[in-house]
Amino acid sequence: MVALQAVRVGSFDIDAAIITYIRREYGIAIGEQTAEEIKILIGSAHPTPEEGRAEVRGRELMSGLPRTIILSAAEVRVAISDPVNTMVDSVLACLSEAPPELAQDLIEHGIHLVGGGSLLKGLDLRIATESEVPVQLVRQPLESVVLGAGRVVESYEELRDMFMGARR
């Protein structure tokens, strides 16, 4: 038995939320690469012991001139709250719909985070806190989905019955 909750929110949505926040709050346009750097440097889903700041350079929308601001980790957390909440809520929804047989597995093995969004600092702690289930980041979060899909293809005959009985 497996519980599944697919959600189309990830690392790029977090970057987009940072771009939107800086545009709205500061009137400054930044690019995707700058947003990703901010996310990596001071982005977090949960407060961290060392809340940093980042110097952000962009183009002022009104004048078109370059401008520099100082952005705090707390501001970034506000900026990315919608996509992060969507991620956390989807995990909680999946857990609430999971068959009872999975409870023991979840308690023993926990939730395994995969994908680029899972690299966001504190996401594991935030999900663990809200779900009361242990959470861990897999060893190769960016490659794990593809590697797992490859294993499924290699073992399809052995897994066929599981897929035939799966609901969508």
N, C-alpha and C. Protein backbone atom coordinates (compact mmCIF):
# COMPACT_ATOMS: atom_id res chain seq x y z
N MET A 1 0.83 -1.19 0.00
CA MET A 1 0.00 0.00 0.00
C MET A 1 0.88 1.25 0.00
N VAL A 2 0.44 2.21 -0.76
CA VAL A 2 1.18 3.45 -0.89
C VAL A 2 0.20 4.61 -0.83
N ALA A 3 0.63 5.72 -0.28
CA ALA A 3 -0.16 6.95 -0.30
C ALA A 3 0.55 7.92 -1.22
N LEU A 4 -0.22 8.60 -2.04
CA LEU A 4 0.37 9.48 -3.04
C LEU A 4 -0.35 10.82 -3.05
N GLN A 5 0.43 11.87 -3.10
CA GLN A 5 -0.10 13.22 -3.25
C GLN A 5 0.86 13.95 -4.17
N ALA A 6 0.45 14.17 -5.41
CA ALA A 6 1.30 14.89 -6.36
C ALA A 6 0.96 16.37 -6.30
N VAL A 7 1.99 17.17 -6.21
CA VAL A 7 1.78 18.62 -6.18
C VAL A 7 2.82 19.25 -7.09
N ARG A 8 2.39 20.19 -7.88
CA ARG A 8 3.29 20.81 -8.86
C ARG A 8 3.87 22.10 -8.30
N VAL A 9 4.52 21.98 -7.18
CA VAL A 9 5.19 23.12 -6.55
C VAL A 9 6.59 22.66 -6.19
N GLY A 10 7.55 23.49 -6.50
CA GLY A 10 8.92 23.10 -6.18
C GLY A 10 9.85 24.29 -6.15
N SER A 11 11.08 24.02 -6.42
CA SER A 11 12.14 25.00 -6.31
C SER A 11 11.91 26.24 -7.18
N PHE A 12 11.43 26.03 -8.41
CA PHE A 12 11.21 27.17 -9.30
C PHE A 12 10.09 28.08 -8.78
N ASP A 13 9.09 27.49 -8.13
CA ASP A 13 8.01 28.29 -7.56
C ASP A 13 8.51 29.13 -6.39
N ILE A 14 9.45 28.60 -5.65
CA ILE A 14 10.05 29.35 -4.55
C ILE A 14 10.83 30.54 -5.12
N ASP A 15 11.59 30.30 -6.19
CA ASP A 15 12.32 31.40 -6.84
C ASP A 15 11.35 32.47 -7.33
N ALA A 16 10.26 32.05 -7.96
CA ALA A 16 9.27 33.00 -8.49
C ALA A 16 8.64 33.81 -7.36
N ALA A 17 8.41 33.19 -6.22
CA ALA A 17 7.83 33.90 -5.08
C ALA A 17 8.79 34.97 -4.56
N ILE A 18 10.07 34.69 -4.58
CA ILE A 18 11.08 35.67 -4.15
C ILE A 18 11.10 36.85 -5.13
N ILE A 19 11.07 36.56 -6.42
CA ILE A 19 11.04 37.62 -7.44
C ILE A 19 9.82 38.52 -7.24
N THR A 20 8.66 37.91 -7.04
CA THR A 20 7.41 38.66 -6.85
C THR A 20 7.46 39.51 -5.59
N TYR A 21 7.96 38.95 -4.51
CA TYR A 21 8.04 39.68 -3.24
C TYR A 21 8.92 40.92 -3.37
N ILE A 22 10.09 40.76 -3.95
CA ILE A 22 11.02 41.89 -4.08
C ILE A 22 10.44 42.95 -5.01
N ARG A 23 9.77 42.54 -6.05
CA ARG A 23 9.12 43.49 -6.97
C ARG A 23 8.03 44.27 -6.23
N ARG A 24 7.20 43.55 -5.48
CA ARG A 24 6.07 44.17 -4.79
C ARG A 24 6.51 45.04 -3.61
N GLU A 25 7.41 44.53 -2.79
CA GLU A 25 7.80 45.23 -1.57
C GLU A 25 8.84 46.32 -1.77
N TYR A 26 9.70 46.15 -2.77
CA TYR A 26 10.81 47.09 -2.96
C TYR A 26 10.78 47.79 -4.31
N GLY A 27 9.91 47.37 -5.21
CA GLY A 27 9.88 47.98 -6.54
C GLY A 27 11.14 47.71 -7.34
N ILE A 28 11.70 46.52 -7.13
CA ILE A 28 12.95 46.15 -7.80
C ILE A 28 12.74 44.85 -8.57
N ALA A 29 13.27 44.83 -9.78
CA ALA A 29 13.23 43.61 -10.59
C ALA A 29 14.54 42.86 -10.43
N ILE A 30 14.42 41.56 -10.16
CA ILE A 30 15.61 40.70 -10.11
C ILE A 30 15.36 39.52 -11.03
N GLY A 31 16.42 38.84 -11.40
CA GLY A 31 16.31 37.68 -12.28
C GLY A 31 16.19 36.38 -11.51
N GLU A 32 15.93 35.31 -12.26
CA GLU A 32 15.77 33.99 -11.67
C GLU A 32 17.04 33.52 -10.96
N GLN A 33 18.19 33.82 -11.55
CA GLN A 33 19.45 33.39 -10.93
C GLN A 33 19.66 34.08 -9.59
N THR A 34 19.33 35.37 -9.52
CA THR A 34 19.46 36.10 -8.25
C THR A 34 18.51 35.53 -7.22
N ALA A 35 17.27 35.23 -7.63
CA ALA A 35 16.30 34.65 -6.70
C ALA A 35 16.79 33.31 -6.17
N GLU A 36 17.36 32.50 -7.05
CA GLU A 36 17.88 31.20 -6.61
C GLU A 36 19.03 31.37 -5.63
N GLU A 37 19.91 32.35 -5.89
CA GLU A 37 21.02 32.61 -4.97
C GLU A 37 20.51 33.04 -3.60
N ILE A 38 19.47 33.87 -3.58
CA ILE A 38 18.87 34.32 -2.32
C ILE A 38 18.31 33.11 -1.57
N LYS A 39 17.58 32.26 -2.30
CA LYS A 39 16.98 31.06 -1.70
C LYS A 39 18.05 30.18 -1.07
N ILE A 40 19.13 29.96 -1.79
CA ILE A 40 20.20 29.09 -1.30
C ILE A 40 20.91 29.73 -0.11
N LEU A 41 21.15 31.02 -0.19
CA LEU A 41 21.91 31.72 0.85
C LEU A 41 21.13 31.90 2.15
N ILE A 42 19.90 32.43 2.07
CA ILE A 42 19.16 32.74 3.30
C ILE A 42 17.73 32.22 3.32
N GLY A 43 17.33 31.47 2.30
CA GLY A 43 15.97 30.94 2.28
C GLY A 43 15.81 29.80 3.28
N SER A 44 14.65 29.75 3.93
CA SER A 44 14.36 28.65 4.85
C SER A 44 12.86 28.51 5.04
N ALA A 45 12.45 27.29 5.36
CA ALA A 45 11.04 27.00 5.62
C ALA A 45 10.72 27.09 7.10
N HIS A 46 11.75 27.21 7.91
CA HIS A 46 11.62 27.21 9.37
C HIS A 46 12.73 28.12 9.90
N PRO A 47 12.46 28.89 10.95
CA PRO A 47 13.53 29.74 11.49
C PRO A 47 14.78 28.92 11.81
N THR A 48 15.93 29.52 11.55
CA THR A 48 17.20 28.86 11.80
C THR A 48 17.96 29.61 12.89
N PRO A 49 18.91 28.95 13.54
CA PRO A 49 19.66 29.62 14.62
C PRO A 49 20.40 30.87 14.13
N GLU A 50 20.92 30.81 12.92
CA GLU A 50 21.65 31.95 12.38
C GLU A 50 20.87 32.54 11.21
N GLU A 51 20.06 33.53 11.51
CA GLU A 51 19.25 34.18 10.48
C GLU A 51 20.13 35.19 9.75
N GLY A 52 20.41 34.92 8.51
CA GLY A 52 21.30 35.79 7.75
C GLY A 52 20.59 36.89 7.00
N ARG A 53 21.39 37.67 6.31
CA ARG A 53 20.91 38.73 5.44
C ARG A 53 21.65 38.59 4.12
N ALA A 54 21.05 39.13 3.07
CA ALA A 54 21.70 39.09 1.76
C ALA A 54 21.60 40.46 1.10
N GLU A 55 22.69 40.84 0.47
CA GLU A 55 22.69 42.05 -0.34
C GLU A 55 22.15 41.66 -1.71
N VAL A 56 21.10 42.35 -2.13
CA VAL A 56 20.42 42.01 -3.39
C VAL A 56 20.51 43.19 -4.34
N ARG A 57 21.00 42.92 -5.53
CA ARG A 57 21.09 43.96 -6.56
C ARG A 57 20.07 43.68 -7.64
N GLY A 58 19.39 44.75 -8.03
CA GLY A 58 18.40 44.61 -9.10
C GLY A 58 18.20 45.95 -9.79
N ARG A 59 17.14 46.01 -10.59
CA ARG A 59 16.82 47.23 -11.32
C ARG A 59 15.54 47.81 -10.74
N GLU A 60 15.64 49.09 -10.34
CA GLU A 60 14.47 49.78 -9.81
C GLU A 60 13.45 49.96 -10.92
N LEU A 61 12.21 49.57 -10.66
CA LEU A 61 11.19 49.60 -11.71
C LEU A 61 10.84 51.01 -12.16
N MET A 62 10.81 51.96 -11.24
CA MET A 62 10.41 53.33 -11.59
C MET A 62 11.48 54.06 -12.40
N SER A 63 12.71 53.99 -11.96
CA SER A 63 13.77 54.76 -12.62
C SER A 63 14.56 53.95 -13.64
N GLY A 64 14.52 52.63 -13.50
CA GLY A 64 15.32 51.78 -14.37
C GLY A 64 16.78 51.70 -13.95
N LEU A 65 17.12 52.36 -12.86
CA LEU A 65 18.50 52.39 -12.39
C LEU A 65 18.80 51.20 -11.47
N PRO A 66 20.07 50.81 -11.40
CA PRO A 66 20.45 49.74 -10.48
C PRO A 66 20.22 50.17 -9.03
N ARG A 67 19.83 49.22 -8.21
CA ARG A 67 19.60 49.50 -6.79
C ARG A 67 19.97 48.27 -5.97
N THR A 68 20.47 48.53 -4.77
CA THR A 68 20.85 47.45 -3.86
C THR A 68 20.01 47.55 -2.59
N ILE A 69 19.52 46.40 -2.13
CA ILE A 69 18.78 46.34 -0.87
C ILE A 69 19.39 45.24 -0.01
N ILE A 70 19.06 45.28 1.27
CA ILE A 70 19.45 44.21 2.19
C ILE A 70 18.17 43.46 2.54
N LEU A 71 18.18 42.17 2.30
CA LEU A 71 17.01 41.32 2.53
C LEU A 71 17.32 40.37 3.68
N SER A 72 16.38 40.23 4.61
CA SER A 72 16.59 39.33 5.75
C SER A 72 16.01 37.95 5.47
N ALA A 73 16.50 36.97 6.21
CA ALA A 73 15.98 35.60 6.09
C ALA A 73 14.50 35.56 6.45
N ALA A 74 14.09 36.37 7.43
CA ALA A 74 12.68 36.40 7.83
C ALA A 74 11.80 36.90 6.67
N GLU A 75 12.29 37.90 5.94
CA GLU A 75 11.54 38.40 4.78
C GLU A 75 11.42 37.32 3.71
N VAL A 76 12.50 36.59 3.49
CA VAL A 76 12.46 35.53 2.48
C VAL A 76 11.46 34.46 2.90
N ARG A 77 11.40 34.15 4.19
CA ARG A 77 10.43 33.16 4.67
C ARG A 77 9.01 33.63 4.39
N VAL A 78 8.75 34.92 4.58
CA VAL A 78 7.43 35.47 4.24
C VAL A 78 7.19 35.36 2.74
N ALA A 79 8.20 35.72 1.96
CA ALA A 79 8.08 35.70 0.50
C ALA A 79 7.72 34.32 -0.03
N ILE A 80 8.31 33.29 0.55
CA ILE A 80 8.12 31.93 0.03
C ILE A 80 7.05 31.14 0.78
N SER A 81 6.31 31.81 1.64
CA SER A 81 5.35 31.09 2.48
C SER A 81 4.28 30.35 1.67
N ASP A 82 3.79 30.92 0.58
CA ASP A 82 2.75 30.23 -0.19
C ASP A 82 3.23 28.91 -0.78
N PRO A 83 4.33 28.89 -1.54
CA PRO A 83 4.76 27.59 -2.07
C PRO A 83 5.18 26.61 -0.97
N VAL A 84 5.79 27.10 0.09
CA VAL A 84 6.19 26.20 1.18
C VAL A 84 4.96 25.63 1.87
N ASN A 85 3.96 26.48 2.13
CA ASN A 85 2.73 25.99 2.75
C ASN A 85 2.05 24.95 1.87
N THR A 86 2.08 25.16 0.56
CA THR A 86 1.50 24.18 -0.36
C THR A 86 2.21 22.84 -0.24
N MET A 87 3.54 22.88 -0.18
CA MET A 87 4.31 21.64 -0.01
C MET A 87 3.94 20.93 1.29
N VAL A 88 3.95 21.68 2.38
CA VAL A 88 3.67 21.10 3.70
C VAL A 88 2.24 20.57 3.75
N ASP A 89 1.29 21.36 3.24
CA ASP A 89 -0.11 20.93 3.25
C ASP A 89 -0.32 19.67 2.43
N SER A 90 0.41 19.52 1.32
CA SER A 90 0.26 18.32 0.50
C SER A 90 0.78 17.09 1.25
N VAL A 91 1.86 17.25 2.01
CA VAL A 91 2.37 16.14 2.82
C VAL A 91 1.33 15.76 3.87
N LEU A 92 0.77 16.75 4.55
CA LEU A 92 -0.23 16.47 5.58
C LEU A 92 -1.47 15.81 4.99
N ALA A 93 -1.89 16.26 3.80
CA ALA A 93 -3.05 15.65 3.13
C ALA A 93 -2.76 14.20 2.77
N CYS A 94 -1.57 13.95 2.28
CA CYS A 94 -1.17 12.58 1.92
C CYS A 94 -1.19 11.68 3.16
N LEU A 95 -0.66 12.18 4.26
CA LEU A 95 -0.63 11.39 5.49
C LEU A 95 -2.03 11.10 5.99
N SER A 96 -2.92 12.08 5.87
CA SER A 96 -4.29 11.88 6.37
C SER A 96 -5.07 10.88 5.52
N GLU A 97 -4.65 10.69 4.26
CA GLU A 97 -5.33 9.75 3.37
C GLU A 97 -4.62 8.40 3.30
N ALA A 98 -3.49 8.26 3.97
CA ALA A 98 -2.70 7.03 3.90
C ALA A 98 -3.43 5.89 4.61
N PRO A 99 -3.33 4.69 4.07
CA PRO A 99 -3.93 3.53 4.73
C PRO A 99 -3.28 3.29 6.10
N PRO A 100 -4.05 2.77 7.05
CA PRO A 100 -3.51 2.54 8.39
C PRO A 100 -2.26 1.65 8.41
N GLU A 101 -2.15 0.74 7.43
CA GLU A 101 -0.99 -0.16 7.38
C GLU A 101 0.32 0.60 7.23
N LEU A 102 0.24 1.81 6.70
CA LEU A 102 1.47 2.59 6.49
C LEU A 102 1.98 3.26 7.75
N ALA A 103 1.15 3.33 8.78
CA ALA A 103 1.54 4.04 10.01
C ALA A 103 2.84 3.50 10.59
N GLN A 104 2.96 2.18 10.68
CA GLN A 104 4.18 1.59 11.23
C GLN A 104 5.40 1.94 10.38
N ASP A 105 5.25 1.84 9.05
CA ASP A 105 6.35 2.20 8.15
C ASP A 105 6.76 3.65 8.33
N LEU A 106 5.77 4.53 8.45
CA LEU A 106 6.08 5.95 8.62
C LEU A 106 6.81 6.20 9.93
N ILE A 107 6.37 5.53 10.98
CA ILE A 107 7.02 5.71 12.28
C ILE A 107 8.45 5.19 12.23
N GLU A 108 8.65 4.03 11.58
CA GLU A 108 9.98 3.43 11.51
C GLU A 108 10.92 4.14 10.54
N HIS A 109 10.39 4.45 9.35
CA HIS A 109 11.25 4.96 8.28
C HIS A 109 11.06 6.45 7.98
N GLY A 110 9.95 7.01 8.41
CA GLY A 110 9.69 8.42 8.20
C GLY A 110 9.37 8.78 6.76
N ILE A 111 9.38 10.07 6.51
CA ILE A 111 9.11 10.63 5.19
C ILE A 111 10.46 10.94 4.56
N HIS A 112 10.60 10.61 3.28
CA HIS A 112 11.84 10.89 2.56
C HIS A 112 11.58 12.00 1.55
N LEU A 113 12.28 13.11 1.70
CA LEU A 113 12.09 14.25 0.81
C LEU A 113 13.00 14.11 -0.41
N VAL A 114 12.44 14.42 -1.59
CA VAL A 114 13.19 14.35 -2.84
C VAL A 114 12.95 15.62 -3.65
N GLY A 115 13.78 15.84 -4.66
CA GLY A 115 13.61 16.98 -5.56
C GLY A 115 14.32 18.22 -5.08
N GLY A 116 14.41 19.20 -5.96
CA GLY A 116 15.11 20.43 -5.65
C GLY A 116 14.52 21.21 -4.50
N GLY A 117 13.20 21.22 -4.39
CA GLY A 117 12.54 21.94 -3.30
C GLY A 117 12.92 21.40 -1.94
N SER A 118 13.28 20.12 -1.88
CA SER A 118 13.63 19.50 -0.60
C SER A 118 14.94 20.05 -0.03
N LEU A 119 15.73 20.72 -0.87
CA LEU A 119 17.00 21.29 -0.42
C LEU A 119 16.81 22.60 0.36
N LEU A 120 15.60 23.12 0.39
CA LEU A 120 15.33 24.35 1.14
C LEU A 120 15.61 24.10 2.62
N LYS A 121 16.45 24.94 3.21
CA LYS A 121 16.80 24.78 4.62
C LYS A 121 15.54 24.76 5.48
N GLY A 122 15.51 23.82 6.41
CA GLY A 122 14.42 23.77 7.38
C GLY A 122 13.14 23.13 6.90
N LEU A 123 13.05 22.74 5.63
CA LEU A 123 11.81 22.12 5.15
C LEU A 123 11.57 20.80 5.87
N ASP A 124 12.62 20.03 6.06
CA ASP A 124 12.48 18.76 6.77
C ASP A 124 11.98 18.98 8.20
N LEU A 125 12.53 19.96 8.89
CA LEU A 125 12.12 20.27 10.26
C LEU A 125 10.68 20.76 10.30
N ARG A 126 10.31 21.61 9.35
CA ARG A 126 8.94 22.14 9.30
C ARG A 126 7.93 21.01 9.10
N ILE A 127 8.21 20.11 8.16
CA ILE A 127 7.29 19.00 7.91
C ILE A 127 7.26 18.06 9.11
N ALA A 128 8.40 17.77 9.70
CA ALA A 128 8.44 16.89 10.88
C ALA A 128 7.66 17.49 12.04
N THR A 129 7.79 18.79 12.23
CA THR A 129 7.10 19.47 13.32
C THR A 129 5.59 19.43 13.11
N GLU A 130 5.14 19.72 11.90
CA GLU A 130 3.71 19.77 11.63
C GLU A 130 3.06 18.40 11.50
N SER A 131 3.82 17.41 11.05
CA SER A 131 3.25 16.08 10.83
C SER A 131 3.49 15.12 12.00
N GLU A 132 4.45 15.45 12.86
CA GLU A 132 4.86 14.58 13.96
C GLU A 132 5.37 13.23 13.44
N VAL A 133 5.96 13.25 12.25
CA VAL A 133 6.55 12.06 11.63
C VAL A 133 8.00 12.42 11.31
N PRO A 134 8.95 11.50 11.55
CA PRO A 134 10.34 11.80 11.21
C PRO A 134 10.50 12.08 9.71
N VAL A 135 11.37 13.01 9.39
CA VAL A 135 11.59 13.39 7.99
C VAL A 135 13.09 13.40 7.72
N GLN A 136 13.45 12.89 6.57
CA GLN A 136 14.85 12.95 6.17
C GLN A 136 14.98 13.27 4.69
N LEU A 137 16.05 13.92 4.39
CA LEU A 137 16.40 14.25 3.01
C LEU A 137 17.17 13.06 2.44
N VAL A 138 16.77 12.60 1.26
CA VAL A 138 17.48 11.47 0.66
C VAL A 138 18.88 11.90 0.23
N ARG A 139 19.74 10.91 0.00
CA ARG A 139 21.14 11.19 -0.34
C ARG A 139 21.31 11.98 -1.63
N GLN A 140 20.55 11.66 -2.65
CA GLN A 140 20.65 12.34 -3.94
C GLN A 140 19.28 12.93 -4.30
N PRO A 141 18.87 14.00 -3.64
CA PRO A 141 17.51 14.50 -3.84
C PRO A 141 17.20 14.93 -5.26
N LEU A 142 18.18 15.41 -6.00
CA LEU A 142 17.92 15.87 -7.36
C LEU A 142 17.81 14.72 -8.35
N GLU A 143 18.46 13.61 -8.06
CA GLU A 143 18.47 12.47 -8.98
C GLU A 143 17.55 11.34 -8.56
N SER A 144 17.07 11.34 -7.34
CA SER A 144 16.37 10.17 -6.79
C SER A 144 15.11 9.78 -7.54
N VAL A 145 14.34 10.75 -8.02
CA VAL A 145 13.10 10.42 -8.73
C VAL A 145 13.43 9.69 -10.03
N VAL A 146 14.40 10.18 -10.76
CA VAL A 146 14.79 9.54 -12.02
C VAL A 146 15.38 8.16 -11.75
N LEU A 147 16.23 8.05 -10.73
CA LEU A 147 16.82 6.76 -10.40
C LEU A 147 15.74 5.76 -9.99
N GLY A 148 14.77 6.21 -9.21
CA GLY A 148 13.66 5.35 -8.80
C GLY A 148 12.81 4.92 -9.97
N ALA A 149 12.53 5.85 -10.88
CA ALA A 149 11.76 5.50 -12.07
C ALA A 149 12.51 4.47 -12.91
N GLY A 150 13.82 4.60 -12.99
CA GLY A 150 14.63 3.63 -13.72
C GLY A 150 14.53 2.24 -13.10
N ARG A 151 14.53 2.18 -11.78
CA ARG A 151 14.39 0.89 -11.10
C ARG A 151 13.02 0.27 -11.38
N VAL A 152 11.99 1.11 -11.40
CA VAL A 152 10.64 0.61 -11.69
C VAL A 152 10.60 0.02 -13.09
N VAL A 153 11.17 0.71 -14.05
CA VAL A 153 11.19 0.21 -15.43
C VAL A 153 11.94 -1.12 -15.48
N GLU A 154 13.07 -1.20 -14.81
CA GLU A 154 13.85 -2.45 -14.80
C GLU A 154 13.09 -3.60 -14.14
N SER A 155 12.26 -3.29 -13.16
CA SER A 155 11.55 -4.32 -12.39
C SER A 155 10.06 -4.35 -12.71
N TYR A 156 9.67 -3.84 -13.85
CA TYR A 156 8.24 -3.68 -14.15
C TYR A 156 7.46 -4.98 -14.03
N GLU A 157 7.98 -6.07 -14.55
CA GLU A 157 7.25 -7.34 -14.51
C GLU A 157 6.94 -7.75 -13.07
N GLU A 158 7.89 -7.55 -12.17
CA GLU A 158 7.69 -7.91 -10.77
C GLU A 158 6.70 -6.97 -10.08
N LEU A 159 6.61 -5.74 -10.56
CA LEU A 159 5.76 -4.72 -9.92
C LEU A 159 4.42 -4.52 -10.63
N ARG A 160 4.21 -5.22 -11.73
CA ARG A 160 3.04 -5.00 -12.58
C ARG A 160 1.73 -5.01 -11.79
N ASP A 161 1.53 -6.00 -10.93
CA ASP A 161 0.28 -6.11 -10.18
C ASP A 161 0.05 -4.89 -9.29
N MET A 162 1.12 -4.36 -8.74
CA MET A 162 0.99 -3.17 -7.91
C MET A 162 0.46 -2.00 -8.73
N PHE A 163 0.97 -1.84 -9.96
CA PHE A 163 0.53 -0.73 -10.81
C PHE A 163 -0.88 -0.94 -11.33
N MET A 164 -1.23 -2.17 -11.61
CA MET A 164 -2.57 -2.45 -12.14
C MET A 164 -3.64 -2.14 -11.09
N GLY A 165 -3.30 -2.27 -9.82
CA GLY A 165 -4.26 -2.02 -8.76
C GLY A 165 -4.26 -0.58 -8.26
N ALA A 166 -3.36 0.23 -8.78
CA ALA A 166 -3.24 1.62 -8.30
C ALA A 166 -4.41 2.46 -8.76
N ARG A 167 -4.87 3.34 -7.87
CA ARG A 167 -5.92 4.29 -8.20
C ARG A 167 -5.29 5.60 -8.62
N ARG A 168 -6.00 6.37 -9.40
CA ARG A 168 -5.52 7.71 -9.77
C ARG A 168 -6.39 8.73 -9.14
